[in-house]
Amino acid sequence: MKADEIKKLDAYFKRTFNPTMVVKARPRKDDSAEVYVGEEFLGVVFKDDEDGDLSYNFSMAILDVDL
Protein backbone atom coordinates (compact mmCIF):
# COMPACT_ATOMS: atom_id res chain seq x y z
CA MET A 1 0.00 0.00 0.00
CA LYS A 2 1.09 3.53 -0.61
CA ALA A 3 2.01 5.81 2.29
CA ASP A 4 -1.04 8.05 1.74
CA GLU A 5 -3.39 5.03 1.92
CA ILE A 6 -1.77 3.86 5.15
CA LYS A 7 -2.10 7.36 6.62
CA LYS A 8 -5.84 7.46 5.76
CA LEU A 9 -6.41 3.98 7.20
CA ASP A 10 -4.48 4.91 10.34
CA ALA A 11 -6.68 7.97 10.86
CA TYR A 12 -9.83 5.89 10.23
CA PHE A 13 -8.88 3.19 12.76
CA LYS A 14 -7.93 5.81 15.37
CA ARG A 15 -11.17 7.75 14.86
CA THR A 16 -13.49 4.74 14.61
CA PHE A 17 -12.07 2.21 17.08
CA ASN A 18 -9.24 3.34 19.34
CA PRO A 19 -6.81 6.28 19.29
CA THR A 20 -3.93 3.94 20.19
CA MET A 21 -4.33 1.86 17.00
CA VAL A 22 -1.53 2.16 14.45
CA VAL A 23 -1.44 1.02 10.82
CA LYS A 24 2.04 0.14 9.55
CA ALA A 25 3.42 -0.89 6.17
CA ARG A 26 4.32 -4.57 5.80
CA PRO A 27 7.84 -5.46 4.74
CA ARG A 28 7.96 -7.06 1.28
CA LYS A 29 4.16 -6.74 0.81
CA ASP A 30 2.46 -3.93 -1.09
CA ASP A 31 -1.16 -5.13 -1.05
CA SER A 32 -1.71 -4.89 2.70
CA ALA A 33 -0.73 -3.24 6.00
CA GLU A 34 -0.53 -4.37 9.63
CA VAL A 35 -2.71 -3.04 12.46
CA TYR A 36 -1.45 -2.72 16.05
CA VAL A 37 -2.70 -1.48 19.39
CA GLY A 38 0.46 -0.23 21.00
CA GLU A 39 2.98 -3.00 20.33
CA GLU A 40 0.36 -5.76 20.09
CA PHE A 41 -0.37 -7.05 16.59
CA LEU A 42 -4.12 -7.15 15.85
CA GLY A 43 -4.46 -8.05 12.19
CA VAL A 44 -3.95 -7.18 8.57
CA VAL A 45 -5.78 -4.75 6.27
CA PHE A 46 -5.89 -5.93 2.65
CA LYS A 47 -6.49 -3.66 -0.32
CA ASP A 48 -9.17 -4.97 -2.69
CA ASP A 49 -9.33 -3.21 -6.06
CA GLU A 50 -11.42 -5.80 -7.87
CA ASP A 51 -13.74 -4.71 -10.68
CA GLY A 52 -12.73 -1.06 -10.22
CA ASP A 53 -14.35 -0.82 -6.78
CA LEU A 54 -11.70 -0.01 -4.17
CA SER A 55 -12.24 -1.33 -0.64
CA TYR A 56 -10.16 -2.45 2.33
CA ASN A 57 -10.72 -5.67 4.29
CA PHE A 58 -9.55 -5.99 7.90
CA SER A 59 -8.73 -9.54 9.02
CA MET A 60 -8.19 -10.28 12.72
CA ALA A 61 -7.75 -13.70 14.31
CA ILE A 62 -8.97 -14.14 17.89
CA LEU A 63 -7.20 -16.89 19.80
CA ASP A 64 -9.24 -18.86 22.31
CA VAL A 65 -6.61 -18.16 25.01
CA ASP A 66 -7.41 -14.44 24.60
CA LEU A 67 -11.07 -15.00 25.42
PDB file of N, CA and C in Angstrom:
ATOM      1  N   MET A   1       0.834  -1.176   0.000  1.00  0.00           N
ATOM      2  CA  MET A   1       0.000   0.000   0.000  1.00  0.00           C
ATOM      3  C   MET A   1       0.878   1.239   0.000  1.00  0.00           C
ATOM      4  N   LYS A   2       0.363   2.262  -0.573  1.00  0.00           N
ATOM      5  CA  LYS A   2       1.091   3.530  -0.609  1.00  0.00           C
ATOM      6  C   LYS A   2       0.986   4.232   0.746  1.00  0.00           C
ATOM      7  N   ALA A   3       1.951   5.102   1.005  1.00  0.00           N
ATOM      8  CA  ALA A   3       2.007   5.812   2.285  1.00  0.00           C
ATOM      9  C   ALA A   3       0.746   6.629   2.550  1.00  0.00           C
ATOM     10  N   ASP A   4       0.172   7.245   1.525  1.00  0.00           N
ATOM     11  CA  ASP A   4      -1.041   8.049   1.738  1.00  0.00           C
ATOM     12  C   ASP A   4      -2.232   7.177   2.114  1.00  0.00           C
ATOM     13  N   GLU A   5      -2.308   5.955   1.561  1.00  0.00           N
ATOM     14  CA  GLU A   5      -3.386   5.029   1.924  1.00  0.00           C
ATOM     15  C   GLU A   5      -3.245   4.591   3.378  1.00  0.00           C
ATOM     16  N   ILE A   6      -2.017   4.287   3.775  1.00  0.00           N
ATOM     17  CA  ILE A   6      -1.767   3.862   5.153  1.00  0.00           C
ATOM     18  C   ILE A   6      -2.121   4.983   6.114  1.00  0.00           C
ATOM     19  N   LYS A   7      -1.791   6.205   5.772  1.00  0.00           N
ATOM     20  CA  LYS A   7      -2.105   7.363   6.621  1.00  0.00           C
ATOM     21  C   LYS A   7      -3.621   7.519   6.783  1.00  0.00           C
ATOM     22  N   LYS A   8      -4.376   7.363   5.696  1.00  0.00           N
ATOM     23  CA  LYS A   8      -5.842   7.461   5.762  1.00  0.00           C
ATOM     24  C   LYS A   8      -6.434   6.334   6.602  1.00  0.00           C
ATOM     25  N   LEU A   9      -5.925   5.112   6.408  1.00  0.00           N
ATOM     26  CA  LEU A   9      -6.408   3.975   7.195  1.00  0.00           C
ATOM     27  C   LEU A   9      -6.079   4.164   8.670  1.00  0.00           C
ATOM     28  N   ASP A  10      -4.881   4.657   8.963  1.00  0.00           N
ATOM     29  CA  ASP A  10      -4.477   4.908  10.344  1.00  0.00           C
ATOM     30  C   ASP A  10      -5.439   5.899  11.007  1.00  0.00           C
ATOM     31  N   ALA A  11      -5.748   6.973  10.324  1.00  0.00           N
ATOM     32  CA  ALA A  11      -6.681   7.972  10.862  1.00  0.00           C
ATOM     33  C   ALA A  11      -8.075   7.366  11.062  1.00  0.00           C
ATOM     34  N   TYR A  12      -8.513   6.532  10.128  1.00  0.00           N
ATOM     35  CA  TYR A  12      -9.830   5.893  10.234  1.00  0.00           C
ATOM     36  C   TYR A  12      -9.898   4.975  11.452  1.00  0.00           C
ATOM     37  N   PHE A  13      -8.886   4.112  11.621  1.00  0.00           N
ATOM     38  CA  PHE A  13      -8.878   3.187  12.762  1.00  0.00           C
ATOM     39  C   PHE A  13      -8.821   3.953  14.081  1.00  0.00           C
ATOM     40  N   LYS A  14      -8.015   5.001  14.159  1.00  0.00           N
ATOM     41  CA  LYS A  14      -7.933   5.809  15.375  1.00  0.00           C
ATOM     42  C   LYS A  14      -9.278   6.463  15.693  1.00  0.00           C
ATOM     43  N   ARG A  15      -9.902   7.029  14.687  1.00  0.00           N
ATOM     44  CA  ARG A  15     -11.171   7.754  14.863  1.00  0.00           C
ATOM     45  C   ARG A  15     -12.322   6.795  15.173  1.00  0.00           C
ATOM     46  N   THR A  16     -12.356   5.651  14.512  1.00  0.00           N
ATOM     47  CA  THR A  16     -13.490   4.741  14.610  1.00  0.00           C
ATOM     48  C   THR A  16     -13.398   3.772  15.787  1.00  0.00           C
ATOM     49  N   PHE A  17     -12.196   3.271  16.077  1.00  0.00           N
ATOM     50  CA  PHE A  17     -12.070   2.213  17.078  1.00  0.00           C
ATOM     51  C   PHE A  17     -11.317   2.635  18.334  1.00  0.00           C
ATOM     52  N   ASN A  18     -10.072   3.085  18.168  1.00  0.00           N
ATOM     53  CA  ASN A  18      -9.245   3.341  19.339  1.00  0.00           C
ATOM     54  C   ASN A  18      -8.080   4.249  18.937  1.00  0.00           C
ATOM     55  N   PRO A  19      -7.884   5.349  19.660  1.00  0.00           N
ATOM     56  CA  PRO A  19      -6.809   6.276  19.291  1.00  0.00           C
ATOM     57  C   PRO A  19      -5.404   5.690  19.394  1.00  0.00           C
ATOM     58  N   THR A  20      -5.256   4.545  20.068  1.00  0.00           N
ATOM     59  CA  THR A  20      -3.929   3.935  20.185  1.00  0.00           C
ATOM     60  C   THR A  20      -3.620   2.962  19.047  1.00  0.00           C
ATOM     61  N   MET A  21      -4.564   2.759  18.142  1.00  0.00           N
ATOM     62  CA  MET A  21      -4.325   1.861  17.002  1.00  0.00           C
ATOM     63  C   MET A  21      -3.371   2.522  16.019  1.00  0.00           C
ATOM     64  N   VAL A  22      -2.515   1.683  15.412  1.00  0.00           N
ATOM     65  CA  VAL A  22      -1.528   2.156  14.453  1.00  0.00           C
ATOM     66  C   VAL A  22      -1.533   1.220  13.248  1.00  0.00           C
ATOM     67  N   VAL A  23      -1.541   1.799  12.061  1.00  0.00           N
ATOM     68  CA  VAL A  23      -1.438   1.020  10.820  1.00  0.00           C
ATOM     69  C   VAL A  23      -0.033   1.213  10.273  1.00  0.00           C
ATOM     70  N   LYS A  24       0.652   0.102  10.015  1.00  0.00           N
ATOM     71  CA  LYS A  24       2.041   0.138   9.548  1.00  0.00           C
ATOM     72  C   LYS A  24       2.187  -0.631   8.241  1.00  0.00           C
ATOM     73  N   ALA A  25       3.108  -0.180   7.417  1.00  0.00           N
ATOM     74  CA  ALA A  25       3.420  -0.892   6.170  1.00  0.00           C
ATOM     75  C   ALA A  25       4.008  -2.258   6.510  1.00  0.00           C
ATOM     76  N   ARG A  26       3.745  -3.233   5.640  1.00  0.00           N
ATOM     77  CA  ARG A  26       4.319  -4.566   5.803  1.00  0.00           C
ATOM     78  C   ARG A  26       5.587  -4.681   4.970  1.00  0.00           C
ATOM     79  N   PRO A  27       6.625  -5.257   5.537  1.00  0.00           N
ATOM     80  CA  PRO A  27       7.837  -5.464   4.745  1.00  0.00           C
ATOM     81  C   PRO A  27       7.584  -6.479   3.627  1.00  0.00           C
ATOM     82  N   ARG A  28       8.034  -6.179   2.459  1.00  0.00           N
ATOM     83  CA  ARG A  28       7.955  -7.060   1.283  1.00  0.00           C
ATOM     84  C   ARG A  28       6.530  -7.331   0.800  1.00  0.00           C
ATOM     85  N   LYS A  29       5.551  -6.597   1.275  1.00  0.00           N
ATOM     86  CA  LYS A  29       4.163  -6.745   0.805  1.00  0.00           C
ATOM     87  C   LYS A  29       3.641  -5.368   0.442  1.00  0.00           C
ATOM     88  N   ASP A  30       2.986  -5.242  -0.712  1.00  0.00           N
ATOM     89  CA  ASP A  30       2.459  -3.928  -1.090  1.00  0.00           C
ATOM     90  C   ASP A  30       0.944  -3.929  -1.265  1.00  0.00           C
ATOM     91  N   ASP A  31       0.291  -5.051  -0.923  1.00  0.00           N
ATOM     92  CA  ASP A  31      -1.163  -5.127  -1.054  1.00  0.00           C
ATOM     93  C   ASP A  31      -1.871  -5.066   0.294  1.00  0.00           C
ATOM     94  N   SER A  32      -1.103  -4.856   1.379  1.00  0.00           N
ATOM     95  CA  SER A  32      -1.706  -4.890   2.703  1.00  0.00           C
ATOM     96  C   SER A  32      -0.859  -4.105   3.702  1.00  0.00           C
ATOM     97  N   ALA A  33      -1.424  -3.923   4.907  1.00  0.00           N
ATOM     98  CA  ALA A  33      -0.731  -3.240   5.999  1.00  0.00           C
ATOM     99  C   ALA A  33      -1.102  -3.947   7.299  1.00  0.00           C
ATOM    100  N   GLU A  34      -0.282  -3.745   8.334  1.00  0.00           N
ATOM    101  CA  GLU A  34      -0.529  -4.371   9.627  1.00  0.00           C
ATOM    102  C   GLU A  34      -1.166  -3.374  10.589  1.00  0.00           C
ATOM    103  N   VAL A  35      -2.019  -3.884  11.480  1.00  0.00           N
ATOM    104  CA  VAL A  35      -2.705  -3.041  12.462  1.00  0.00           C
ATOM    105  C   VAL A  35      -2.265  -3.470  13.863  1.00  0.00           C
ATOM    106  N   TYR A  36      -1.911  -2.489  14.684  1.00  0.00           N
ATOM    107  CA  TYR A  36      -1.451  -2.723  16.053  1.00  0.00           C
ATOM    108  C   TYR A  36      -2.223  -1.849  17.022  1.00  0.00           C
ATOM    109  N   VAL A  37      -2.314  -2.322  18.268  1.00  0.00           N
ATOM    110  CA  VAL A  37      -2.699  -1.475  19.394  1.00  0.00           C
ATOM    111  C   VAL A  37      -1.461  -1.450  20.269  1.00  0.00           C
ATOM    112  N   GLY A  38      -0.835  -0.303  20.338  1.00  0.00           N
ATOM    113  CA  GLY A  38       0.458  -0.226  21.000  1.00  0.00           C
ATOM    114  C   GLY A  38       1.441  -1.114  20.250  1.00  0.00           C
ATOM    115  N   GLU A  39       2.045  -2.057  20.956  1.00  0.00           N
ATOM    116  CA  GLU A  39       2.984  -2.996  20.330  1.00  0.00           C
ATOM    117  C   GLU A  39       2.329  -4.332  19.981  1.00  0.00           C
ATOM    118  N   GLU A  40       1.045  -4.491  20.324  1.00  0.00           N
ATOM    119  CA  GLU A  40       0.364  -5.763  20.094  1.00  0.00           C
ATOM    120  C   GLU A  40      -0.243  -5.820  18.692  1.00  0.00           C
ATOM    121  N   PHE A  41       0.151  -6.835  17.935  1.00  0.00           N
ATOM    122  CA  PHE A  41      -0.369  -7.047  16.588  1.00  0.00           C
ATOM    123  C   PHE A  41      -1.824  -7.471  16.663  1.00  0.00           C
ATOM    124  N   LEU A  42      -2.696  -6.805  15.880  1.00  0.00           N
ATOM    125  CA  LEU A  42      -4.118  -7.152  15.847  1.00  0.00           C
ATOM    126  C   LEU A  42      -4.516  -7.898  14.588  1.00  0.00           C
ATOM    127  N   GLY A  43      -4.039  -7.435  13.438  1.00  0.00           N
ATOM    128  CA  GLY A  43      -4.461  -8.053  12.192  1.00  0.00           C
ATOM    129  C   GLY A  43      -3.876  -7.349  10.994  1.00  0.00           C
ATOM    130  N   VAL A  44      -4.449  -7.682   9.840  1.00  0.00           N
ATOM    131  CA  VAL A  44      -3.949  -7.179   8.570  1.00  0.00           C
ATOM    132  C   VAL A  44      -5.099  -6.535   7.792  1.00  0.00           C
ATOM    133  N   VAL A  45      -4.825  -5.410   7.163  1.00  0.00           N
ATOM    134  CA  VAL A  45      -5.776  -4.749   6.267  1.00  0.00           C
ATOM    135  C   VAL A  45      -5.317  -5.020   4.842  1.00  0.00           C
ATOM    136  N   PHE A  46      -6.188  -5.629   4.043  1.00  0.00           N
ATOM    137  CA  PHE A  46      -5.886  -5.932   2.652  1.00  0.00           C
ATOM    138  C   PHE A  46      -6.588  -4.950   1.731  1.00  0.00           C
ATOM    139  N   LYS A  47      -5.906  -4.542   0.701  1.00  0.00           N
ATOM    140  CA  LYS A  47      -6.485  -3.664  -0.321  1.00  0.00           C
ATOM    141  C   LYS A  47      -7.162  -4.543  -1.365  1.00  0.00           C
ATOM    142  N   ASP A  48      -8.413  -4.213  -1.701  1.00  0.00           N
ATOM    143  CA  ASP A  48      -9.173  -4.970  -2.693  1.00  0.00           C
ATOM    144  C   ASP A  48      -9.630  -3.998  -3.781  1.00  0.00           C
ATOM    145  N   ASP A  49      -9.020  -4.110  -4.938  1.00  0.00           N
ATOM    146  CA  ASP A  49      -9.326  -3.210  -6.060  1.00  0.00           C
ATOM    147  C   ASP A  49      -9.943  -3.998  -7.212  1.00  0.00           C
ATOM    148  N   GLU A  50     -10.801  -4.933  -6.874  1.00  0.00           N
ATOM    149  CA  GLU A  50     -11.422  -5.802  -7.868  1.00  0.00           C
ATOM    150  C   GLU A  50     -12.578  -5.099  -8.571  1.00  0.00           C
ATOM    151  N   ASP A  51     -12.649  -5.263  -9.850  1.00  0.00           N
ATOM    152  CA  ASP A  51     -13.736  -4.711 -10.675  1.00  0.00           C
ATOM    153  C   ASP A  51     -13.836  -3.186 -10.590  1.00  0.00           C
ATOM    154  N   GLY A  52     -12.729  -2.521 -10.273  1.00  0.00           N
ATOM    155  CA  GLY A  52     -12.730  -1.058 -10.223  1.00  0.00           C
ATOM    156  C   GLY A  52     -13.326  -0.464  -8.968  1.00  0.00           C
ATOM    157  N   ASP A  53     -13.800  -1.305  -8.050  1.00  0.00           N
ATOM    158  CA  ASP A  53     -14.348  -0.821  -6.777  1.00  0.00           C
ATOM    159  C   ASP A  53     -13.304  -1.025  -5.696  1.00  0.00           C
ATOM    160  N   LEU A  54     -12.746   0.066  -5.183  1.00  0.00           N
ATOM    161  CA  LEU A  54     -11.704  -0.009  -4.168  1.00  0.00           C
ATOM    162  C   LEU A  54     -12.324  -0.162  -2.784  1.00  0.00           C
ATOM    163  N   SER A  55     -11.822  -1.155  -2.032  1.00  0.00           N
ATOM    164  CA  SER A  55     -12.238  -1.332  -0.642  1.00  0.00           C
ATOM    165  C   SER A  55     -11.058  -1.912   0.131  1.00  0.00           C
ATOM    166  N   TYR A  56     -11.193  -1.917   1.452  1.00  0.00           N
ATOM    167  CA  TYR A  56     -10.156  -2.450   2.327  1.00  0.00           C
ATOM    168  C   TYR A  56     -10.812  -3.456   3.261  1.00  0.00           C
ATOM    169  N   ASN A  57     -10.188  -4.609   3.442  1.00  0.00           N
ATOM    170  CA  ASN A  57     -10.719  -5.669   4.294  1.00  0.00           C
ATOM    171  C   ASN A  57      -9.787  -5.889   5.472  1.00  0.00           C
ATOM    172  N   PHE A  58     -10.328  -5.782   6.684  1.00  0.00           N
ATOM    173  CA  PHE A  58      -9.550  -5.988   7.900  1.00  0.00           C
ATOM    174  C   PHE A  58      -9.758  -7.412   8.378  1.00  0.00           C
ATOM    175  N   SER A  59      -8.671  -8.151   8.569  1.00  0.00           N
ATOM    176  CA  SER A  59      -8.730  -9.538   9.022  1.00  0.00           C
ATOM    177  C   SER A  59      -8.015  -9.656  10.367  1.00  0.00           C
ATOM    178  N   MET A  60      -8.750 -10.165  11.377  1.00  0.00           N
ATOM    179  CA  MET A  60      -8.191 -10.284  12.716  1.00  0.00           C
ATOM    180  C   MET A  60      -8.539 -11.660  13.281  1.00  0.00           C
ATOM    181  N   ALA A  61      -7.530 -12.400  13.663  1.00  0.00           N
ATOM    182  CA  ALA A  61      -7.754 -13.698  14.306  1.00  0.00           C
ATOM    183  C   ALA A  61      -7.878 -13.501  15.813  1.00  0.00           C
ATOM    184  N   ILE A  62      -8.804 -14.218  16.441  1.00  0.00           N
ATOM    185  CA  ILE A  62      -8.973 -14.143  17.893  1.00  0.00           C
ATOM    186  C   ILE A  62      -8.669 -15.528  18.446  1.00  0.00           C
ATOM    187  N   LEU A  63      -7.596 -15.606  19.214  1.00  0.00           N
ATOM    188  CA  LEU A  63      -7.204 -16.885  19.804  1.00  0.00           C
ATOM    189  C   LEU A  63      -8.075 -17.206  21.002  1.00  0.00           C
ATOM    190  N   ASP A  64      -8.365 -18.480  21.195  1.00  0.00           N
ATOM    191  CA  ASP A  64      -9.244 -18.861  22.310  1.00  0.00           C
ATOM    192  C   ASP A  64      -8.610 -18.537  23.657  1.00  0.00           C
ATOM    193  N   VAL A  65      -7.267 -18.512  23.744  1.00  0.00           N
ATOM    194  CA  VAL A  65      -6.613 -18.155  25.011  1.00  0.00           C
ATOM    195  C   VAL A  65      -6.810 -16.682  25.355  1.00  0.00           C
ATOM    196  N   ASP A  66      -7.147 -15.866  24.357  1.00  0.00           N
ATOM    197  CA  ASP A  66      -7.407 -14.444  24.597  1.00  0.00           C
ATOM    198  C   ASP A  66      -8.822 -14.181  25.088  1.00  0.00           C
ATOM    199  N   LEU A  67      -9.686 -15.170  24.965  1.00  0.00           N
ATOM    200  CA  LEU A  67     -11.067 -15.001  25.417  1.00  0.00           C
ATOM    201  C   LEU A  67     -11.121 -15.268  26.879  1.00  0.00           C
TER     202      LEU A  67
END
